[in-house]
Amino acid sequence: MMLYVLRRLAATVPVLLFVALFVFFLLRLTPGDPAVLIAGDQATEAQIEAIRQQLGLDKPLIDQLVAWSGRILSGDLGRSVFSDMEVTRLIAMRVEPTVLLALVAIVMALVIALPLGTLAAARVGTRTDRAVMAFAMIGFSSPVFVIAFLLVYVFALGLGWFPTQGYVPLANGFWACLNSLILPGMALAMLYASLLARVTRATLLEVLSEDYVRTARAKGLMPLRVLVRHALRNAAIPIVTVVGVGIAALLGGVVVTETVFNIPGLGRLTTDAILRRDYPVVQGLILIFSGVYVLINLLVDLSYVLFDPRVRY
């Protein structure tokens, strides 16, 4: 088992190195002079040269790579061109809304998807099964911003249960913060819940046809116990995989959701940095998102040790 864990850990190193090199060359391979693009059409030559020096673009490429790598390893992601703040500080200021939004979306998706997928598998071929699959298909094929606008129209403008946009910091109260994240969390969770419900149903149907499940039924065990204790437990591996991949996929949905609901998180920061061509911030965010993605997939791989008894070496 320890060898398996070490192999998984070693496999992440080349991925992180490739991502770091991609982020470094992202700015350098941009068509045109990045300093001119950042400074704008009205900038003077002195202003352009100052930006070029700030970004280190006036040095040879190998020197830029060595200096940039040293800063990254020390935790220095550079400074924002527009706000003149450290990128790490900017990201730290925006972490709370994004993390809480992702947690709310994950909890909602699991609460919706696992019971629906299990119910569809238990009543395969019935109207219940078809209704669950129709719900999953609609949720999976609908863009996040369409779901977001529908939720705002019904629950915010129509019923007045939730605010239309904005974010209440956790320091102002847990329930006020949660109330501001219900609609964006629901919009973000729909795609994730639809995918997870379909995978749960398909995996359970495969497991329910196994011999040990038929043996458990022949022993007279209650159907619910057979479904939950025997079938669902043995279907955990593919479900956990989809949960991990789905959590990583939420990073993409966060950008759209935070923009629609005007939430000052990392997704909104990404949008603003791209529109302003604030390359140090864009590079820092790509590194953070990529690192989180790799970490989540690593945790999913390591979870096989708990769920799959065959993984020992």
C-alpha atoms as a PDB file:
ATOM      1  CA  MET A   1       0.000   0.000   0.000  1.00  0.00           C
ATOM      2  CA  MET A   2       2.819   2.405   0.853  1.00  0.00           C
ATOM      3  CA  LEU A   3       4.405   1.764  -2.549  1.00  0.00           C
ATOM      4  CA  TYR A   4       1.099   2.622  -4.231  1.00  0.00           C
ATOM      5  CA  VAL A   5       0.888   5.886  -2.292  1.00  0.00           C
ATOM      6  CA  LEU A   6       4.491   6.806  -3.172  1.00  0.00           C
ATOM      7  CA  ARG A   7       3.840   6.079  -6.865  1.00  0.00           C
ATOM      8  CA  ARG A   8       0.785   8.331  -6.821  1.00  0.00           C
ATOM      9  CA  LEU A   9       2.750  11.104  -5.127  1.00  0.00           C
ATOM     10  CA  ALA A  10       5.624  10.787  -7.604  1.00  0.00           C
ATOM     11  CA  ALA A  11       3.221  10.936 -10.552  1.00  0.00           C
ATOM     12  CA  THR A  12       2.066  14.408  -9.542  1.00  0.00           C
ATOM     13  CA  VAL A  13       5.547  15.943  -9.820  1.00  0.00           C
ATOM     14  CA  PRO A  14       5.794  15.919 -13.666  1.00  0.00           C
ATOM     15  CA  VAL A  15       2.252  17.282 -13.901  1.00  0.00           C
ATOM     16  CA  LEU A  16       3.045  20.204 -11.615  1.00  0.00           C
ATOM     17  CA  LEU A  17       6.291  20.914 -13.479  1.00  0.00           C
ATOM     18  CA  PHE A  18       4.478  20.936 -16.820  1.00  0.00           C
ATOM     19  CA  VAL A  19       1.812  23.292 -15.467  1.00  0.00           C
ATOM     20  CA  ALA A  20       4.482  25.625 -14.077  1.00  0.00           C
ATOM     21  CA  LEU A  21       6.309  25.754 -17.423  1.00  0.00           C
ATOM     22  CA  PHE A  22       3.011  26.360 -19.240  1.00  0.00           C
ATOM     23  CA  VAL A  23       2.166  29.244 -16.931  1.00  0.00           C
ATOM     24  CA  PHE A  24       5.630  30.763 -17.414  1.00  0.00           C
ATOM     25  CA  PHE A  25       5.518  30.634 -21.210  1.00  0.00           C
ATOM     26  CA  LEU A  26       1.882  31.782 -21.296  1.00  0.00           C
ATOM     27  CA  LEU A  27       2.965  35.387 -20.889  1.00  0.00           C
ATOM     28  CA  ARG A  28       6.112  35.126 -22.988  1.00  0.00           C
ATOM     29  CA  LEU A  29       4.399  33.491 -26.006  1.00  0.00           C
ATOM     30  CA  THR A  30       1.507  35.954 -26.101  1.00  0.00           C
ATOM     31  CA  PRO A  31       1.346  37.612 -29.562  1.00  0.00           C
ATOM     32  CA  GLY A  32       2.815  41.099 -29.430  1.00  0.00           C
ATOM     33  CA  ASP A  33       4.596  42.770 -26.538  1.00  0.00           C
ATOM     34  CA  PRO A  34       2.793  41.923 -23.258  1.00  0.00           C
ATOM     35  CA  ALA A  35       3.992  45.187 -21.743  1.00  0.00           C
ATOM     36  CA  VAL A  36       2.336  47.163 -24.558  1.00  0.00           C
ATOM     37  CA  LEU A  37      -0.900  45.172 -24.193  1.00  0.00           C
ATOM     38  CA  ILE A  38      -0.982  45.789 -20.453  1.00  0.00           C
ATOM     39  CA  ALA A  39      -0.059  49.489 -20.663  1.00  0.00           C
ATOM     40  CA  GLY A  40      -2.655  50.329 -23.317  1.00  0.00           C
ATOM     41  CA  ASP A  41      -2.607  52.506 -26.412  1.00  0.00           C
ATOM     42  CA  GLN A  42      -2.157  55.792 -24.542  1.00  0.00           C
ATOM     43  CA  ALA A  43       0.921  54.706 -22.547  1.00  0.00           C
ATOM     44  CA  THR A  44       4.271  56.388 -23.002  1.00  0.00           C
ATOM     45  CA  GLU A  45       7.463  54.514 -23.803  1.00  0.00           C
ATOM     46  CA  ALA A  46       8.657  55.080 -20.237  1.00  0.00           C
ATOM     47  CA  GLN A  47       5.500  53.500 -18.801  1.00  0.00           C
ATOM     48  CA  ILE A  48       5.831  50.526 -21.134  1.00  0.00           C
ATOM     49  CA  GLU A  49       9.469  50.063 -20.141  1.00  0.00           C
ATOM     50  CA  ALA A  50       8.532  50.239 -16.449  1.00  0.00           C
ATOM     51  CA  ILE A  51       5.971  47.451 -16.906  1.00  0.00           C
ATOM     52  CA  ARG A  52       8.500  45.427 -18.881  1.00  0.00           C
ATOM     53  CA  GLN A  53      10.999  45.738 -16.020  1.00  0.00           C
ATOM     54  CA  GLN A  54       8.329  44.918 -13.421  1.00  0.00           C
ATOM     55  CA  LEU A  55       7.501  41.699 -15.261  1.00  0.00           C
ATOM     56  CA  GLY A  56      11.176  40.906 -15.871  1.00  0.00           C
ATOM     57  CA  LEU A  57      10.716  40.896 -19.648  1.00  0.00           C
ATOM     58  CA  ASP A  58      13.878  42.934 -20.199  1.00  0.00           C
ATOM     59  CA  LYS A  59      16.114  39.979 -19.220  1.00  0.00           C
ATOM     60  CA  PRO A  60      17.131  36.872 -21.247  1.00  0.00           C
ATOM     61  CA  LEU A  61      14.546  34.094 -21.265  1.00  0.00           C
ATOM     62  CA  ILE A  62      16.630  31.644 -19.221  1.00  0.00           C
ATOM     63  CA  ASP A  63      17.255  34.300 -16.566  1.00  0.00           C
ATOM     64  CA  GLN A  64      13.524  35.024 -16.462  1.00  0.00           C
ATOM     65  CA  LEU A  65      12.780  31.324 -15.968  1.00  0.00           C
ATOM     66  CA  VAL A  66      15.327  30.922 -13.160  1.00  0.00           C
ATOM     67  CA  ALA A  67      14.160  34.065 -11.342  1.00  0.00           C
ATOM     68  CA  TRP A  68      10.472  33.195 -11.774  1.00  0.00           C
ATOM     69  CA  SER A  69      10.994  29.623 -10.559  1.00  0.00           C
ATOM     70  CA  GLY A  70      12.818  30.891  -7.482  1.00  0.00           C
ATOM     71  CA  ARG A  71       9.961  33.258  -6.635  1.00  0.00           C
ATOM     72  CA  ILE A  72       7.334  30.544  -7.125  1.00  0.00           C
ATOM     73  CA  LEU A  73       9.214  28.099  -4.894  1.00  0.00           C
ATOM     74  CA  SER A  74       9.396  30.763  -2.201  1.00  0.00           C
ATOM     75  CA  GLY A  75       5.654  31.427  -2.464  1.00  0.00           C
ATOM     76  CA  ASP A  76       5.994  34.754  -4.283  1.00  0.00           C
ATOM     77  CA  LEU A  77       3.509  34.944  -7.184  1.00  0.00           C
ATOM     78  CA  GLY A  78       4.461  38.493  -8.121  1.00  0.00           C
ATOM     79  CA  ARG A  79       2.512  41.757  -7.931  1.00  0.00           C
ATOM     80  CA  SER A  80      -0.626  42.848  -9.703  1.00  0.00           C
ATOM     81  CA  VAL A  81       0.047  45.362 -12.459  1.00  0.00           C
ATOM     82  CA  PHE A  82      -3.127  47.339 -11.775  1.00  0.00           C
ATOM     83  CA  SER A  83      -3.634  47.190  -8.008  1.00  0.00           C
ATOM     84  CA  ASP A  84       0.102  46.969  -7.172  1.00  0.00           C
ATOM     85  CA  MET A  85      -0.735  44.360  -4.523  1.00  0.00           C
ATOM     86  CA  GLU A  86       0.929  41.015  -4.032  1.00  0.00           C
ATOM     87  CA  VAL A  87      -0.887  38.296  -5.979  1.00  0.00           C
ATOM     88  CA  THR A  88      -0.856  35.997  -2.949  1.00  0.00           C
ATOM     89  CA  ARG A  89      -2.619  38.686  -0.904  1.00  0.00           C
ATOM     90  CA  LEU A  90      -5.206  39.268  -3.642  1.00  0.00           C
ATOM     91  CA  ILE A  91      -5.925  35.545  -3.820  1.00  0.00           C
ATOM     92  CA  ALA A  92      -6.096  35.230  -0.022  1.00  0.00           C
ATOM     93  CA  MET A  93      -8.675  38.027   0.074  1.00  0.00           C
ATOM     94  CA  ARG A  94     -10.894  36.150  -2.416  1.00  0.00           C
ATOM     95  CA  VAL A  95     -10.538  32.575  -1.147  1.00  0.00           C
ATOM     96  CA  GLU A  96     -13.388  32.555   1.388  1.00  0.00           C
ATOM     97  CA  PRO A  97     -16.345  33.099  -1.009  1.00  0.00           C
ATOM     98  CA  THR A  98     -15.049  30.537  -3.508  1.00  0.00           C
ATOM     99  CA  VAL A  99     -14.342  27.834  -0.928  1.00  0.00           C
ATOM    100  CA  LEU A 100     -17.714  28.287   0.783  1.00  0.00           C
ATOM    101  CA  LEU A 101     -19.548  28.342  -2.560  1.00  0.00           C
ATOM    102  CA  ALA A 102     -17.814  25.131  -3.623  1.00  0.00           C
ATOM    103  CA  LEU A 103     -18.655  23.434  -0.293  1.00  0.00           C
ATOM    104  CA  VAL A 104     -22.321  24.451  -0.551  1.00  0.00           C
ATOM    105  CA  ALA A 105     -22.473  23.171  -4.139  1.00  0.00           C
ATOM    106  CA  ILE A 106     -20.807  19.866  -3.214  1.00  0.00           C
ATOM    107  CA  VAL A 107     -23.173  19.229  -0.295  1.00  0.00           C
ATOM    108  CA  MET A 108     -26.213  20.081  -2.421  1.00  0.00           C
ATOM    109  CA  ALA A 109     -25.043  17.848  -5.255  1.00  0.00           C
ATOM    110  CA  LEU A 110     -24.408  14.869  -2.966  1.00  0.00           C
ATOM    111  CA  VAL A 111     -27.725  15.294  -1.150  1.00  0.00           C
ATOM    112  CA  ILE A 112     -29.579  15.427  -4.482  1.00  0.00           C
ATOM    113  CA  ALA A 113     -27.626  12.952  -6.607  1.00  0.00           C
ATOM    114  CA  LEU A 114     -26.971   9.954  -4.360  1.00  0.00           C
ATOM    115  CA  PRO A 115     -30.629   9.375  -3.313  1.00  0.00           C
ATOM    116  CA  LEU A 116     -31.914  10.015  -6.846  1.00  0.00           C
ATOM    117  CA  GLY A 117     -29.347   7.710  -8.448  1.00  0.00           C
ATOM    118  CA  THR A 118     -30.052   4.996  -5.893  1.00  0.00           C
ATOM    119  CA  LEU A 119     -33.803   5.372  -6.340  1.00  0.00           C
ATOM    120  CA  ALA A 120     -33.503   5.162 -10.120  1.00  0.00           C
ATOM    121  CA  ALA A 121     -31.411   1.988  -9.880  1.00  0.00           C
ATOM    122  CA  ALA A 122     -33.833   0.392  -7.399  1.00  0.00           C
ATOM    123  CA  ARG A 123     -36.797   1.136  -9.700  1.00  0.00           C
ATOM    124  CA  VAL A 124     -35.136   0.711 -13.067  1.00  0.00           C
ATOM    125  CA  GLY A 125     -37.520   0.843 -16.018  1.00  0.00           C
ATOM    126  CA  THR A 126     -40.307   2.560 -14.096  1.00  0.00           C
ATOM    127  CA  ARG A 127     -41.636   6.100 -14.364  1.00  0.00           C
ATOM    128  CA  THR A 128     -39.506   7.064 -11.388  1.00  0.00           C
ATOM    129  CA  ASP A 129     -36.381   5.927 -13.202  1.00  0.00           C
ATOM    130  CA  ARG A 130     -37.326   7.826 -16.361  1.00  0.00           C
ATOM    131  CA  ALA A 131     -38.133  10.979 -14.367  1.00  0.00           C
ATOM    132  CA  VAL A 132     -34.762  10.899 -12.594  1.00  0.00           C
ATOM    133  CA  MET A 133     -32.917  10.376 -15.879  1.00  0.00           C
ATOM    134  CA  ALA A 134     -34.870  13.209 -17.513  1.00  0.00           C
ATOM    135  CA  PHE A 135     -33.903  15.491 -14.630  1.00  0.00           C
ATOM    136  CA  ALA A 136     -30.265  14.419 -14.966  1.00  0.00           C
ATOM    137  CA  MET A 137     -30.255  14.987 -18.724  1.00  0.00           C
ATOM    138  CA  ILE A 138     -31.758  18.473 -18.412  1.00  0.00           C
ATOM    139  CA  GLY A 139     -29.379  19.455 -15.625  1.00  0.00           C
ATOM    140  CA  PHE A 140     -26.349  18.078 -17.475  1.00  0.00           C
ATOM    141  CA  SER A 141     -27.145  19.832 -20.767  1.00  0.00           C
ATOM    142  CA  SER A 142     -28.181  23.236 -19.391  1.00  0.00           C
ATOM    143  CA  PRO A 143     -25.500  25.956 -19.139  1.00  0.00           C
ATOM    144  CA  VAL A 144     -24.745  27.205 -15.653  1.00  0.00           C
ATOM    145  CA  PHE A 145     -25.736  30.793 -16.450  1.00  0.00           C
ATOM    146  CA  VAL A 146     -29.153  29.673 -17.771  1.00  0.00           C
ATOM    147  CA  ILE A 147     -29.858  27.753 -14.565  1.00  0.00           C
ATOM    148  CA  ALA A 148     -28.612  30.733 -12.545  1.00  0.00           C
ATOM    149  CA  PHE A 149     -30.957  33.193 -14.260  1.00  0.00           C
ATOM    150  CA  LEU A 150     -33.923  30.820 -13.867  1.00  0.00           C
ATOM    151  CA  LEU A 151     -33.202  30.407 -10.153  1.00  0.00           C
ATOM    152  CA  VAL A 152     -32.934  34.171  -9.693  1.00  0.00           C
ATOM    153  CA  TYR A 153     -36.200  34.750 -11.576  1.00  0.00           C
ATOM    154  CA  VAL A 154     -38.140  32.163  -9.544  1.00  0.00           C
ATOM    155  CA  PHE A 155     -36.661  32.253  -6.037  1.00  0.00           C
ATOM    156  CA  ALA A 156     -35.258  35.811  -5.834  1.00  0.00           C
ATOM    157  CA  LEU A 157     -37.480  38.001  -7.999  1.00  0.00           C
ATOM    158  CA  GLY A 158     -40.623  35.856  -7.832  1.00  0.00           C
ATOM    159  CA  LEU A 159     -40.727  34.471  -4.301  1.00  0.00           C
ATOM    160  CA  GLY A 160     -38.233  36.815  -2.682  1.00  0.00           C
ATOM    161  CA  TRP A 161     -36.645  34.050  -0.631  1.00  0.00           C
ATOM    162  CA  PHE A 162     -33.024  34.818  -1.493  1.00  0.00           C
ATOM    163  CA  PRO A 163     -31.000  37.853  -2.629  1.00  0.00           C
ATOM    164  CA  THR A 164     -30.468  38.272  -6.362  1.00  0.00           C
ATOM    165  CA  GLN A 165     -26.705  38.750  -6.050  1.00  0.00           C
ATOM    166  CA  GLY A 166     -23.905  39.648  -3.675  1.00  0.00           C
ATOM    167  CA  TYR A 167     -22.087  37.859  -0.884  1.00  0.00           C
ATOM    168  CA  VAL A 168     -22.324  38.221   2.883  1.00  0.00           C
ATOM    169  CA  PRO A 169     -18.972  37.425   4.577  1.00  0.00           C
ATOM    170  CA  LEU A 170     -18.912  34.616   7.113  1.00  0.00           C
ATOM    171  CA  ALA A 171     -17.861  37.119   9.792  1.00  0.00           C
ATOM    172  CA  ASN A 172     -21.288  38.762   9.477  1.00  0.00           C
ATOM    173  CA  GLY A 173     -23.081  35.580  10.521  1.00  0.00           C
ATOM    174  CA  PHE A 174     -23.287  31.977   9.362  1.00  0.00           C
ATOM    175  CA  TRP A 175     -26.947  32.003   8.295  1.00  0.00           C
ATOM    176  CA  ALA A 176     -26.672  35.315   6.457  1.00  0.00           C
ATOM    177  CA  CYS A 177     -23.628  33.977   4.618  1.00  0.00           C
ATOM    178  CA  LEU A 178     -25.373  30.700   3.795  1.00  0.00           C
ATOM    179  CA  ASN A 179     -28.478  32.543   2.575  1.00  0.00           C
ATOM    180  CA  SER A 180     -26.371  34.472   0.072  1.00  0.00           C
ATOM    181  CA  LEU A 181     -24.831  31.243  -1.267  1.00  0.00           C
ATOM    182  CA  ILE A 182     -27.970  29.099  -1.678  1.00  0.00           C
ATOM    183  CA  LEU A 183     -28.872  30.211  -5.217  1.00  0.00           C
ATOM    184  CA  PRO A 184     -25.325  30.277  -6.639  1.00  0.00           C
ATOM    185  CA  GLY A 185     -24.610  26.959  -4.910  1.00  0.00           C
ATOM    186  CA  MET A 186     -27.730  25.421  -6.438  1.00  0.00           C
ATOM    187  CA  ALA A 187     -26.824  26.716  -9.909  1.00  0.00           C
ATOM    188  CA  LEU A 188     -23.312  25.324  -9.585  1.00  0.00           C
ATOM    189  CA  ALA A 189     -24.512  22.000  -8.165  1.00  0.00           C
ATOM    190  CA  MET A 190     -26.986  21.131 -10.957  1.00  0.00           C
ATOM    191  CA  LEU A 191     -24.427  19.927 -13.500  1.00  0.00           C
ATOM    192  CA  TYR A 192     -22.456  18.080 -10.835  1.00  0.00           C
ATOM    193  CA  ALA A 193     -25.575  16.442  -9.358  1.00  0.00           C
ATOM    194  CA  SER A 194     -26.826  15.354 -12.789  1.00  0.00           C
ATOM    195  CA  LEU A 195     -23.550  13.655 -13.643  1.00  0.00           C
ATOM    196  CA  LEU A 196     -23.277  12.002 -10.234  1.00  0.00           C
ATOM    197  CA  ALA A 197     -26.876  10.729 -10.342  1.00  0.00           C
ATOM    198  CA  ARG A 198     -26.320   9.072 -13.729  1.00  0.00           C
ATOM    199  CA  VAL A 199     -23.066   7.448 -12.604  1.00  0.00           C
ATOM    200  CA  THR A 200     -24.632   6.254  -9.331  1.00  0.00           C
ATOM    201  CA  ARG A 201     -27.522   4.637 -11.204  1.00  0.00           C
ATOM    202  CA  ALA A 202     -25.286   2.968 -13.809  1.00  0.00           C
ATOM    203  CA  THR A 203     -22.826   1.675 -11.211  1.00  0.00           C
ATOM    204  CA  LEU A 204     -25.553   0.324  -8.934  1.00  0.00           C
ATOM    205  CA  LEU A 205     -27.255  -1.466 -11.818  1.00  0.00           C
ATOM    206  CA  GLU A 206     -23.995  -3.202 -12.610  1.00  0.00           C
ATOM    207  CA  VAL A 207     -23.395  -4.162  -8.973  1.00  0.00           C
ATOM    208  CA  LEU A 208     -26.986  -5.358  -8.432  1.00  0.00           C
ATOM    209  CA  SER A 209     -26.444  -8.050 -11.065  1.00  0.00           C
ATOM    210  CA  GLU A 210     -23.492  -9.574  -9.183  1.00  0.00           C
ATOM    211  CA  ASP A 211     -23.717 -12.999  -7.523  1.00  0.00           C
ATOM    212  CA  TYR A 212     -23.109 -11.753  -3.976  1.00  0.00           C
ATOM    213  CA  VAL A 213     -26.113  -9.426  -4.253  1.00  0.00           C
ATOM    214  CA  ARG A 214     -28.347 -12.298  -5.378  1.00  0.00           C
ATOM    215  CA  THR A 215     -26.968 -14.357  -2.495  1.00  0.00           C
ATOM    216  CA  ALA A 216     -27.802 -11.595  -0.023  1.00  0.00           C
ATOM    217  CA  ARG A 217     -31.345 -11.457  -1.380  1.00  0.00           C
ATOM    218  CA  ALA A 218     -31.657 -15.242  -1.185  1.00  0.00           C
ATOM    219  CA  LYS A 219     -30.761 -15.073   2.507  1.00  0.00           C
ATOM    220  CA  GLY A 220     -33.837 -12.971   3.068  1.00  0.00           C
ATOM    221  CA  LEU A 221     -32.154  -9.661   3.819  1.00  0.00           C
ATOM    222  CA  MET A 222     -34.294  -6.554   3.561  1.00  0.00           C
ATOM    223  CA  PRO A 223     -34.129  -4.908   0.096  1.00  0.00           C
ATOM    224  CA  LEU A 224     -32.984  -1.597   1.572  1.00  0.00           C
ATOM    225  CA  ARG A 225     -30.152  -3.299   3.446  1.00  0.00           C
ATOM    226  CA  VAL A 226     -29.059  -5.147   0.322  1.00  0.00           C
ATOM    227  CA  LEU A 227     -29.130  -1.931  -1.680  1.00  0.00           C
ATOM    228  CA  VAL A 228     -27.266   0.267   0.814  1.00  0.00           C
ATOM    229  CA  ARG A 229     -24.933  -2.093   2.666  1.00  0.00           C
ATOM    230  CA  HIS A 230     -23.958  -4.447  -0.152  1.00  0.00           C
ATOM    231  CA  ALA A 231     -24.601  -2.745  -3.496  1.00  0.00           C
ATOM    232  CA  LEU A 232     -23.901   0.913  -2.735  1.00  0.00           C
ATOM    233  CA  ARG A 233     -20.818   0.124  -0.685  1.00  0.00           C
ATOM    234  CA  ASN A 234     -19.258  -1.894  -3.495  1.00  0.00           C
ATOM    235  CA  ALA A 235     -20.197   0.771  -6.035  1.00  0.00           C
ATOM    236  CA  ALA A 236     -18.263   3.399  -4.067  1.00  0.00           C
ATOM    237  CA  ILE A 237     -15.075   3.369  -6.159  1.00  0.00           C
ATOM    238  CA  PRO A 238     -16.462   4.774  -9.449  1.00  0.00           C
ATOM    239  CA  ILE A 239     -18.759   7.093  -7.500  1.00  0.00           C
ATOM    240  CA  VAL A 240     -15.822   8.477  -5.476  1.00  0.00           C
ATOM    241  CA  THR A 241     -13.904   8.966  -8.732  1.00  0.00           C
ATOM    242  CA  VAL A 242     -16.724  11.028 -10.207  1.00  0.00           C
ATOM    243  CA  VAL A 243     -17.033  12.975  -6.946  1.00  0.00           C
ATOM    244  CA  GLY A 244     -13.345  13.914  -7.143  1.00  0.00           C
ATOM    245  CA  VAL A 245     -13.449  14.802 -10.837  1.00  0.00           C
ATOM    246  CA  GLY A 246     -16.660  16.763 -10.280  1.00  0.00           C
ATOM    247  CA  ILE A 247     -15.130  18.771  -7.450  1.00  0.00           C
ATOM    248  CA  ALA A 248     -12.248  19.697  -9.726  1.00  0.00           C
ATOM    249  CA  ALA A 249     -14.708  20.575 -12.508  1.00  0.00           C
ATOM    250  CA  LEU A 250     -16.441  22.994 -10.152  1.00  0.00           C
ATOM    251  CA  LEU A 251     -13.453  25.284 -10.578  1.00  0.00           C
ATOM    252  CA  GLY A 252     -14.614  26.069 -14.096  1.00  0.00           C
ATOM    253  CA  GLY A 253     -18.208  26.656 -13.053  1.00  0.00           C
ATOM    254  CA  VAL A 254     -17.128  28.979 -10.261  1.00  0.00           C
ATOM    255  CA  VAL A 255     -15.967  31.584 -12.803  1.00  0.00           C
ATOM    256  CA  VAL A 256     -19.389  31.817 -14.461  1.00  0.00           C
ATOM    257  CA  THR A 257     -21.396  31.526 -11.236  1.00  0.00           C
ATOM    258  CA  GLU A 258     -19.478  34.207  -9.364  1.00  0.00           C
ATOM    259  CA  THR A 259     -19.782  36.545 -12.343  1.00  0.00           C
ATOM    260  CA  VAL A 260     -23.566  36.075 -12.620  1.00  0.00           C
ATOM    261  CA  PHE A 261     -24.176  36.477  -8.875  1.00  0.00           C
ATOM    262  CA  ASN A 262     -21.521  39.170  -8.365  1.00  0.00           C
ATOM    263  CA  ILE A 263     -19.617  37.156  -5.761  1.00  0.00           C
ATOM    264  CA  PRO A 264     -16.115  38.541  -5.041  1.00  0.00           C
ATOM    265  CA  GLY A 265     -14.315  35.211  -5.175  1.00  0.00           C
ATOM    266  CA  LEU A 266     -11.496  33.693  -7.199  1.00  0.00           C
ATOM    267  CA  GLY A 267     -13.750  33.195 -10.215  1.00  0.00           C
ATOM    268  CA  ARG A 268     -14.621  36.883 -10.354  1.00  0.00           C
ATOM    269  CA  LEU A 269     -10.957  37.750  -9.796  1.00  0.00           C
ATOM    270  CA  THR A 270     -10.055  35.546 -12.778  1.00  0.00           C
ATOM    271  CA  THR A 271     -12.558  37.312 -15.023  1.00  0.00           C
ATOM    272  CA  ASP A 272     -11.382  40.768 -13.965  1.00  0.00           C
ATOM    273  CA  ALA A 273      -7.694  39.841 -14.389  1.00  0.00           C
ATOM    274  CA  ILE A 274      -8.267  38.485 -17.906  1.00  0.00           C
ATOM    275  CA  LEU A 275     -10.252  41.543 -18.985  1.00  0.00           C
ATOM    276  CA  ARG A 276      -7.564  43.856 -17.583  1.00  0.00           C
ATOM    277  CA  ARG A 277      -4.743  41.687 -18.947  1.00  0.00           C
ATOM    278  CA  ASP A 278      -3.240  41.519 -15.476  1.00  0.00           C
ATOM    279  CA  TYR A 279      -0.884  38.669 -16.361  1.00  0.00           C
ATOM    280  CA  PRO A 280       0.752  38.135 -12.943  1.00  0.00           C
ATOM    281  CA  VAL A 281      -2.701  37.594 -11.392  1.00  0.00           C
ATOM    282  CA  VAL A 282      -3.765  35.286 -14.247  1.00  0.00           C
ATOM    283  CA  GLN A 283      -0.578  33.243 -13.845  1.00  0.00           C
ATOM    284  CA  GLY A 284      -1.024  32.979 -10.083  1.00  0.00           C
ATOM    285  CA  LEU A 285      -4.644  31.875 -10.418  1.00  0.00           C
ATOM    286  CA  ILE A 286      -3.764  29.225 -13.015  1.00  0.00           C
ATOM    287  CA  LEU A 287      -1.117  27.851 -10.670  1.00  0.00           C
ATOM    288  CA  ILE A 288      -3.553  27.775  -7.739  1.00  0.00           C
ATOM    289  CA  PHE A 289      -6.389  26.154  -9.711  1.00  0.00           C
ATOM    290  CA  SER A 290      -4.033  23.613 -11.287  1.00  0.00           C
ATOM    291  CA  GLY A 291      -2.532  22.720  -7.922  1.00  0.00           C
ATOM    292  CA  VAL A 292      -5.990  22.208  -6.408  1.00  0.00           C
ATOM    293  CA  TYR A 293      -7.024  20.066  -9.386  1.00  0.00           C
ATOM    294  CA  VAL A 294      -3.944  17.853  -9.064  1.00  0.00           C
ATOM    295  CA  LEU A 295      -4.370  17.604  -5.283  1.00  0.00           C
ATOM    296  CA  ILE A 296      -8.013  16.514  -5.573  1.00  0.00           C
ATOM    297  CA  ASN A 297      -7.173  13.854  -8.151  1.00  0.00           C
ATOM    298  CA  LEU A 298      -4.339  12.656  -5.922  1.00  0.00           C
ATOM    299  CA  LEU A 299      -6.740  12.321  -2.979  1.00  0.00           C
ATOM    300  CA  VAL A 300      -9.146  10.363  -5.198  1.00  0.00           C
ATOM    301  CA  ASP A 301      -6.348   7.989  -6.181  1.00  0.00           C
ATOM    302  CA  LEU A 302      -5.331   7.547  -2.550  1.00  0.00           C
ATOM    303  CA  SER A 303      -8.951   6.902  -1.543  1.00  0.00           C
ATOM    304  CA  TYR A 304      -8.814   3.667  -3.546  1.00  0.00           C
ATOM    305  CA  VAL A 305      -6.715   2.277  -0.698  1.00  0.00           C
ATOM    306  CA  LEU A 306      -9.753   2.615   1.579  1.00  0.00           C
ATOM    307  CA  PHE A 307     -12.462   1.467  -0.826  1.00  0.00           C
ATOM    308  CA  ASP A 308     -10.677  -1.165  -2.925  1.00  0.00           C
ATOM    309  CA  PRO A 309      -9.137  -4.052  -0.961  1.00  0.00           C
ATOM    310  CA  ARG A 310      -7.212  -5.093  -4.095  1.00  0.00           C
ATOM    311  CA  VAL A 311      -4.962  -2.042  -3.805  1.00  0.00           C
ATOM    312  CA  ARG A 312      -2.157  -3.174  -1.576  1.00  0.00           C
ATOM    313  CA  TYR A 313       1.036  -2.497  -3.530  1.00  0.00           C
END
